[in-house]
Protein backbone atom coordinates (compact mmCIF):
# COMPACT_ATOMS: atom_id res chain seq x y z
CA MET A 1 -1.18 34.37 4.04
CA ILE A 2 -3.27 35.11 7.08
CA SER A 3 -6.43 34.70 4.89
CA PHE A 4 -5.21 31.43 3.70
CA LEU A 5 -4.59 30.21 7.30
CA LYS A 6 -7.84 31.44 8.28
CA ASP A 7 -9.59 29.48 5.43
CA SER A 8 -7.62 26.40 6.12
CA PHE A 9 -8.65 26.26 9.90
CA ARG A 10 -12.29 27.03 8.82
CA GLU A 11 -12.22 24.06 6.43
CA ILE A 12 -10.65 21.70 9.00
CA LYS A 13 -13.75 22.23 11.19
CA HIS A 14 -15.85 20.80 8.17
CA VAL A 15 -13.78 17.63 8.06
CA VAL A 16 -15.72 14.34 9.02
CA TRP A 17 -12.85 12.43 10.78
CA PRO A 18 -13.09 8.64 10.70
CA THR A 19 -14.38 6.69 13.84
CA LYS A 20 -11.91 4.51 15.74
CA ASP A 21 -13.77 1.47 14.22
CA ASP A 22 -13.42 2.72 10.69
CA THR A 23 -9.80 3.50 11.24
CA ARG A 24 -8.99 0.13 12.66
CA LYS A 25 -11.02 -1.63 9.79
CA TYR A 26 -9.11 0.38 7.00
CA PHE A 27 -5.86 -0.15 8.76
CA PHE A 28 -6.26 -3.97 8.68
CA ILE A 29 -7.46 -3.83 4.96
CA VAL A 30 -4.33 -1.96 3.95
CA VAL A 31 -2.03 -4.36 5.92
CA TRP A 32 -3.76 -7.45 4.24
CA VAL A 33 -3.42 -5.88 0.85
CA LEU A 34 0.25 -5.03 1.23
CA VAL A 35 1.02 -8.57 2.66
CA THR A 36 -0.84 -10.23 -0.26
CA PHE A 37 0.78 -7.93 -2.76
CA GLY A 38 4.20 -8.57 -1.21
CA LEU A 39 3.64 -12.43 -1.37
CA TYR A 40 2.73 -12.21 -4.92
CA ILE A 41 5.79 -10.20 -5.65
CA PHE A 42 7.85 -12.70 -3.98
CA VAL A 43 6.33 -15.77 -5.57
CA ALA A 44 6.51 -14.10 -9.01
CA SER A 45 10.07 -13.08 -8.49
CA THR A 46 11.14 -16.44 -7.30
CA LEU A 47 9.35 -18.20 -10.21
CA PHE A 48 11.14 -15.84 -12.69
CA THR A 49 14.54 -16.32 -11.15
CA ASN A 50 14.22 -20.05 -11.15
CA ILE A 51 13.13 -20.14 -14.79
CA ILE A 52 15.97 -17.84 -15.78
CA PHE A 53 18.45 -20.15 -14.20
CA ALA A 54 16.69 -23.21 -15.61
CA LEU A 55 17.26 -21.54 -19.05
CA LYS A 56 20.87 -20.60 -18.28
CA ASP A 57 21.50 -24.19 -17.39
CA LEU A 58 20.00 -25.62 -20.70
CA ILE A 59 22.13 -23.12 -22.73
CA LYS A 60 25.40 -24.36 -21.12
């Protein structure tokens, strides 16, 4: 267990952490993708719901 922890800390020293600008850029990319995907799901769900209700009204 001690060996594992020593190896883990040694590996952490080799990690190249992203810069502040990179972090900000990737954050906005992720937010943009999430908003775009959320809007797509909303529009698709709304259209599907309207189609289902329209078909239900035709059957009645």
